[in-house]
Amino acid sequence: MRSVISLVFAAALAAPAVASELNIEVQGAANGTITIDLLEDVAPDHVERILELAREGAYDNVVFHRVIDGFMAQTGDVQYGKEGSEPGFAGRGGSERPDLRAEFSDIPFDRGVVGMARAQSPNSANSQFFIMFDDGHFLNGQYTVVGRVTGGMDIVDAIKRGDGPNGSVVSTPDVMRTVTASE
């Protein structure tokens, strides 16, 4: 009996203490809610950053500025990506917080996986993230995985595709109207 209790206790300690979800209300070509299970045990610093920004309302009214069919939808530029801002700057900014060090894992970039966007340096992720439309295993070990879509993948699939260079959405992008975090 004691070994069973020890095993249950050890399993409880091994599990993440808090499981967080991100709920994104999308408006535009896509309308509805995307639910993302955040992986605190895989990328604790990146997940904490996303949670902080969501709780502050920083992600509210931020557009999906880069959307490439068969690849991914990118959003989260809290500096230049607000709805109504100059569209040419969306994707160049981040938050006022320092960039994050990479937290690579062995989780593959499969359909529905959420990763942190970054510049050329692996240690340059800040606030932007992307959701995979399809598998993109060429990203494995190159970008930090922060979560998985657990609801609303049909909403992800409906996000307006980019019509500009490198998938930029230059005319009326879809927007994350509200982004909330729950534990």
C-alpha atoms as a PDB file:
ATOM      1  CA  MET A   1       0.000   0.000   0.000  1.00  0.00           C
ATOM      2  CA  ARG A   2       2.795   2.380   0.871  1.00  0.00           C
ATOM      3  CA  SER A   3       4.447   1.976  -2.562  1.00  0.00           C
ATOM      4  CA  VAL A   4       1.172   2.871  -4.327  1.00  0.00           C
ATOM      5  CA  ILE A   5       0.855   6.035  -2.234  1.00  0.00           C
ATOM      6  CA  SER A   6       4.496   6.890  -2.943  1.00  0.00           C
ATOM      7  CA  LEU A   7       3.924   6.434  -6.686  1.00  0.00           C
ATOM      8  CA  VAL A   8       0.812   8.633  -6.638  1.00  0.00           C
ATOM      9  CA  PHE A   9       2.662  11.304  -4.660  1.00  0.00           C
ATOM     10  CA  ALA A  10       5.678  11.160  -7.001  1.00  0.00           C
ATOM     11  CA  ALA A  11       3.408  11.473 -10.060  1.00  0.00           C
ATOM     12  CA  ALA A  12       1.696  14.501  -8.534  1.00  0.00           C
ATOM     13  CA  LEU A  13       5.066  16.145  -7.945  1.00  0.00           C
ATOM     14  CA  ALA A  14       6.171  15.438 -11.519  1.00  0.00           C
ATOM     15  CA  ALA A  15       3.065  17.068 -13.030  1.00  0.00           C
ATOM     16  CA  PRO A  16       3.024  20.835 -13.583  1.00  0.00           C
ATOM     17  CA  ALA A  17       1.652  22.660 -10.547  1.00  0.00           C
ATOM     18  CA  VAL A  18      -0.578  24.861 -12.684  1.00  0.00           C
ATOM     19  CA  ALA A  19      -2.100  24.143 -16.064  1.00  0.00           C
ATOM     20  CA  SER A  20      -2.906  27.303 -17.985  1.00  0.00           C
ATOM     21  CA  GLU A  21      -5.102  27.941 -20.976  1.00  0.00           C
ATOM     22  CA  LEU A  22      -5.120  30.848 -23.354  1.00  0.00           C
ATOM     23  CA  ASN A  23      -8.489  31.771 -24.861  1.00  0.00           C
ATOM     24  CA  ILE A  24      -8.355  33.929 -27.973  1.00  0.00           C
ATOM     25  CA  GLU A  25     -11.521  35.549 -29.338  1.00  0.00           C
ATOM     26  CA  VAL A  26     -10.881  36.074 -33.064  1.00  0.00           C
ATOM     27  CA  GLN A  27     -12.794  38.433 -35.353  1.00  0.00           C
ATOM     28  CA  GLY A  28     -12.495  38.902 -39.107  1.00  0.00           C
ATOM     29  CA  ALA A  29     -12.591  36.223 -41.783  1.00  0.00           C
ATOM     30  CA  ALA A  30     -12.394  33.832 -38.812  1.00  0.00           C
ATOM     31  CA  ASN A  31     -14.823  34.344 -35.937  1.00  0.00           C
ATOM     32  CA  GLY A  32     -14.759  32.343 -32.734  1.00  0.00           C
ATOM     33  CA  THR A  33     -12.581  31.136 -29.901  1.00  0.00           C
ATOM     34  CA  ILE A  34      -9.214  29.409 -30.063  1.00  0.00           C
ATOM     35  CA  THR A  35      -8.201  27.590 -26.873  1.00  0.00           C
ATOM     36  CA  ILE A  36      -4.527  26.839 -26.293  1.00  0.00           C
ATOM     37  CA  ASP A  37      -3.096  24.591 -23.596  1.00  0.00           C
ATOM     38  CA  LEU A  38       0.104  26.325 -22.475  1.00  0.00           C
ATOM     39  CA  LEU A  39       3.030  24.028 -21.670  1.00  0.00           C
ATOM     40  CA  GLU A  40       4.564  25.486 -18.499  1.00  0.00           C
ATOM     41  CA  ASP A  41       6.643  22.392 -17.932  1.00  0.00           C
ATOM     42  CA  VAL A  42       8.240  22.692 -21.408  1.00  0.00           C
ATOM     43  CA  ALA A  43       8.852  26.453 -21.695  1.00  0.00           C
ATOM     44  CA  PRO A  44       8.211  28.096 -18.311  1.00  0.00           C
ATOM     45  CA  ASP A  45       9.717  31.512 -19.119  1.00  0.00           C
ATOM     46  CA  HIS A  46       7.932  31.848 -22.459  1.00  0.00           C
ATOM     47  CA  VAL A  47       4.601  30.731 -20.997  1.00  0.00           C
ATOM     48  CA  GLU A  48       4.967  33.166 -18.108  1.00  0.00           C
ATOM     49  CA  ARG A  49       5.568  35.995 -20.598  1.00  0.00           C
ATOM     50  CA  ILE A  50       2.442  35.081 -22.576  1.00  0.00           C
ATOM     51  CA  LEU A  51       0.389  34.895 -19.382  1.00  0.00           C
ATOM     52  CA  GLU A  52       1.661  38.283 -18.166  1.00  0.00           C
ATOM     53  CA  LEU A  53       0.853  39.975 -21.474  1.00  0.00           C
ATOM     54  CA  ALA A  54      -2.574  38.345 -21.670  1.00  0.00           C
ATOM     55  CA  ARG A  55      -3.464  39.354 -18.107  1.00  0.00           C
ATOM     56  CA  GLU A  56      -2.429  42.958 -18.855  1.00  0.00           C
ATOM     57  CA  GLY A  57      -4.622  43.029 -21.960  1.00  0.00           C
ATOM     58  CA  ALA A  58      -1.572  43.648 -24.170  1.00  0.00           C
ATOM     59  CA  TYR A  59      -2.704  41.051 -26.742  1.00  0.00           C
ATOM     60  CA  ASP A  60      -6.202  42.519 -27.076  1.00  0.00           C
ATOM     61  CA  ASN A  61      -6.868  43.961 -30.560  1.00  0.00           C
ATOM     62  CA  VAL A  62      -3.584  42.634 -31.995  1.00  0.00           C
ATOM     63  CA  VAL A  63      -3.781  41.428 -35.603  1.00  0.00           C
ATOM     64  CA  PHE A  64      -2.612  38.235 -37.285  1.00  0.00           C
ATOM     65  CA  HIS A  65       0.014  40.033 -39.358  1.00  0.00           C
ATOM     66  CA  ARG A  66       1.723  37.105 -41.131  1.00  0.00           C
ATOM     67  CA  VAL A  67      -0.358  34.174 -42.326  1.00  0.00           C
ATOM     68  CA  ILE A  68       1.033  31.623 -44.777  1.00  0.00           C
ATOM     69  CA  ASP A  69      -1.301  28.984 -46.212  1.00  0.00           C
ATOM     70  CA  GLY A  70      -0.145  25.461 -45.345  1.00  0.00           C
ATOM     71  CA  PHE A  71       2.309  26.797 -42.759  1.00  0.00           C
ATOM     72  CA  MET A  72       1.245  29.079 -39.897  1.00  0.00           C
ATOM     73  CA  ALA A  73      -0.575  32.179 -38.588  1.00  0.00           C
ATOM     74  CA  GLN A  74       1.584  34.670 -36.657  1.00  0.00           C
ATOM     75  CA  THR A  75       0.399  37.325 -34.189  1.00  0.00           C
ATOM     76  CA  GLY A  76       1.364  38.885 -30.873  1.00  0.00           C
ATOM     77  CA  ASP A  77       3.205  42.077 -31.864  1.00  0.00           C
ATOM     78  CA  VAL A  78       1.965  44.167 -28.933  1.00  0.00           C
ATOM     79  CA  GLN A  79       4.078  47.145 -30.030  1.00  0.00           C
ATOM     80  CA  TYR A  80       3.202  47.594 -33.726  1.00  0.00           C
ATOM     81  CA  GLY A  81       0.474  45.023 -34.330  1.00  0.00           C
ATOM     82  CA  LYS A  82      -2.565  46.705 -32.807  1.00  0.00           C
ATOM     83  CA  GLU A  83      -5.592  46.931 -35.068  1.00  0.00           C
ATOM     84  CA  GLY A  84      -5.560  50.256 -36.915  1.00  0.00           C
ATOM     85  CA  SER A  85      -1.763  50.697 -36.680  1.00  0.00           C
ATOM     86  CA  GLU A  86       0.469  51.117 -39.715  1.00  0.00           C
ATOM     87  CA  PRO A  87       0.377  47.602 -41.252  1.00  0.00           C
ATOM     88  CA  GLY A  88       3.935  47.791 -42.595  1.00  0.00           C
ATOM     89  CA  PHE A  89       5.374  47.763 -39.075  1.00  0.00           C
ATOM     90  CA  ALA A  90       3.406  44.796 -37.700  1.00  0.00           C
ATOM     91  CA  GLY A  91       5.776  41.951 -36.934  1.00  0.00           C
ATOM     92  CA  ARG A  92       8.766  44.148 -36.117  1.00  0.00           C
ATOM     93  CA  GLY A  93       7.990  44.767 -32.467  1.00  0.00           C
ATOM     94  CA  GLY A  94       7.525  43.125 -29.128  1.00  0.00           C
ATOM     95  CA  SER A  95       6.831  44.105 -25.549  1.00  0.00           C
ATOM     96  CA  GLU A  96       8.921  46.419 -23.381  1.00  0.00           C
ATOM     97  CA  ARG A  97      10.262  43.370 -21.558  1.00  0.00           C
ATOM     98  CA  PRO A  98      13.668  41.857 -22.385  1.00  0.00           C
ATOM     99  CA  ASP A  99      13.914  39.089 -24.986  1.00  0.00           C
ATOM    100  CA  LEU A 100      13.781  35.494 -23.770  1.00  0.00           C
ATOM    101  CA  ARG A 101      16.423  32.778 -23.933  1.00  0.00           C
ATOM    102  CA  ALA A 102      15.389  29.807 -26.067  1.00  0.00           C
ATOM    103  CA  GLU A 103      13.677  26.883 -24.318  1.00  0.00           C
ATOM    104  CA  PHE A 104      13.913  24.235 -27.028  1.00  0.00           C
ATOM    105  CA  SER A 105      12.268  20.865 -26.505  1.00  0.00           C
ATOM    106  CA  ASP A 106      11.744  17.613 -28.379  1.00  0.00           C
ATOM    107  CA  ILE A 107       8.068  18.431 -29.081  1.00  0.00           C
ATOM    108  CA  PRO A 108       7.632  18.486 -32.870  1.00  0.00           C
ATOM    109  CA  PHE A 109       5.962  21.327 -34.733  1.00  0.00           C
ATOM    110  CA  ASP A 110       2.824  19.432 -35.686  1.00  0.00           C
ATOM    111  CA  ARG A 111      -0.518  20.888 -36.771  1.00  0.00           C
ATOM    112  CA  GLY A 112      -1.962  22.958 -33.908  1.00  0.00           C
ATOM    113  CA  VAL A 113       1.341  23.467 -32.084  1.00  0.00           C
ATOM    114  CA  VAL A 114       2.049  27.013 -30.905  1.00  0.00           C
ATOM    115  CA  GLY A 115       5.591  28.359 -31.064  1.00  0.00           C
ATOM    116  CA  MET A 116       7.278  31.627 -30.187  1.00  0.00           C
ATOM    117  CA  ALA A 117       8.350  33.801 -33.094  1.00  0.00           C
ATOM    118  CA  ARG A 118      11.807  35.319 -32.980  1.00  0.00           C
ATOM    119  CA  ALA A 119      14.383  37.208 -35.019  1.00  0.00           C
ATOM    120  CA  GLN A 120      17.553  35.535 -36.297  1.00  0.00           C
ATOM    121  CA  SER A 121      18.959  34.942 -32.812  1.00  0.00           C
ATOM    122  CA  PRO A 122      17.446  31.921 -31.021  1.00  0.00           C
ATOM    123  CA  ASN A 123      17.361  34.085 -27.873  1.00  0.00           C
ATOM    124  CA  SER A 124      15.206  36.878 -29.321  1.00  0.00           C
ATOM    125  CA  ALA A 125      11.617  35.738 -28.667  1.00  0.00           C
ATOM    126  CA  ASN A 126       9.538  38.373 -26.897  1.00  0.00           C
ATOM    127  CA  SER A 127       5.756  38.557 -27.398  1.00  0.00           C
ATOM    128  CA  GLN A 128       4.958  37.177 -30.852  1.00  0.00           C
ATOM    129  CA  PHE A 129       3.764  33.625 -31.408  1.00  0.00           C
ATOM    130  CA  PHE A 130       2.489  31.458 -34.238  1.00  0.00           C
ATOM    131  CA  ILE A 131       0.022  28.602 -34.673  1.00  0.00           C
ATOM    132  CA  MET A 132       0.797  25.809 -37.124  1.00  0.00           C
ATOM    133  CA  PHE A 133      -1.746  25.021 -39.881  1.00  0.00           C
ATOM    134  CA  ASP A 134       0.208  21.884 -40.839  1.00  0.00           C
ATOM    135  CA  ASP A 135       3.276  19.964 -39.687  1.00  0.00           C
ATOM    136  CA  GLY A 136       6.500  21.962 -39.983  1.00  0.00           C
ATOM    137  CA  HIS A 137       9.196  19.680 -38.620  1.00  0.00           C
ATOM    138  CA  PHE A 138      11.933  21.812 -40.186  1.00  0.00           C
ATOM    139  CA  LEU A 139      11.264  24.150 -37.210  1.00  0.00           C
ATOM    140  CA  ASN A 140      12.020  21.418 -34.642  1.00  0.00           C
ATOM    141  CA  GLY A 141      14.816  22.443 -32.282  1.00  0.00           C
ATOM    142  CA  GLN A 142      14.901  25.924 -33.832  1.00  0.00           C
ATOM    143  CA  TYR A 143      11.923  27.583 -32.114  1.00  0.00           C
ATOM    144  CA  THR A 144      10.404  27.292 -28.642  1.00  0.00           C
ATOM    145  CA  VAL A 145       7.147  25.322 -28.372  1.00  0.00           C
ATOM    146  CA  VAL A 146       4.776  26.988 -25.887  1.00  0.00           C
ATOM    147  CA  GLY A 147       1.455  25.229 -26.368  1.00  0.00           C
ATOM    148  CA  ARG A 148      -1.108  23.274 -28.370  1.00  0.00           C
ATOM    149  CA  VAL A 149      -4.512  24.209 -29.721  1.00  0.00           C
ATOM    150  CA  THR A 150      -7.122  22.182 -27.836  1.00  0.00           C
ATOM    151  CA  GLY A 151     -10.204  23.882 -29.228  1.00  0.00           C
ATOM    152  CA  GLY A 152     -11.087  26.010 -32.217  1.00  0.00           C
ATOM    153  CA  MET A 153      -8.718  24.593 -34.802  1.00  0.00           C
ATOM    154  CA  ASP A 154     -11.482  25.317 -37.319  1.00  0.00           C
ATOM    155  CA  ILE A 155     -11.127  28.990 -36.334  1.00  0.00           C
ATOM    156  CA  VAL A 156      -7.356  28.798 -36.883  1.00  0.00           C
ATOM    157  CA  ASP A 157      -7.958  27.260 -40.315  1.00  0.00           C
ATOM    158  CA  ALA A 158     -10.285  30.151 -41.239  1.00  0.00           C
ATOM    159  CA  ILE A 159      -7.812  32.967 -40.404  1.00  0.00           C
ATOM    160  CA  LYS A 160      -7.341  35.251 -43.404  1.00  0.00           C
ATOM    161  CA  ARG A 161      -4.238  34.341 -45.405  1.00  0.00           C
ATOM    162  CA  GLY A 162      -1.565  36.888 -46.203  1.00  0.00           C
ATOM    163  CA  ASP A 163      -1.674  38.607 -49.558  1.00  0.00           C
ATOM    164  CA  GLY A 164       1.631  40.467 -49.311  1.00  0.00           C
ATOM    165  CA  PRO A 165       5.322  39.600 -49.280  1.00  0.00           C
ATOM    166  CA  ASN A 166       6.303  36.695 -47.005  1.00  0.00           C
ATOM    167  CA  GLY A 167       2.672  36.122 -46.024  1.00  0.00           C
ATOM    168  CA  SER A 168       2.013  39.611 -44.687  1.00  0.00           C
ATOM    169  CA  VAL A 169      -1.652  40.485 -44.344  1.00  0.00           C
ATOM    170  CA  VAL A 170      -1.880  43.961 -45.840  1.00  0.00           C
ATOM    171  CA  SER A 171      -5.638  44.419 -46.090  1.00  0.00           C
ATOM    172  CA  THR A 172      -8.002  43.960 -43.137  1.00  0.00           C
ATOM    173  CA  PRO A 173      -6.235  41.277 -41.086  1.00  0.00           C
ATOM    174  CA  ASP A 174      -8.069  39.114 -38.573  1.00  0.00           C
ATOM    175  CA  VAL A 175      -7.678  40.337 -35.018  1.00  0.00           C
ATOM    176  CA  MET A 176      -7.382  38.817 -31.561  1.00  0.00           C
ATOM    177  CA  ARG A 177     -10.231  40.841 -30.061  1.00  0.00           C
ATOM    178  CA  THR A 178      -9.626  39.581 -26.522  1.00  0.00           C
ATOM    179  CA  VAL A 179      -7.052  37.208 -25.093  1.00  0.00           C
ATOM    180  CA  THR A 180      -7.597  35.792 -21.620  1.00  0.00           C
ATOM    181  CA  ALA A 181      -5.625  33.384 -19.484  1.00  0.00           C
ATOM    182  CA  SER A 182      -7.142  30.884 -17.082  1.00  0.00           C
ATOM    183  CA  GLU A 183      -5.613  28.418 -14.680  1.00  0.00           C
END
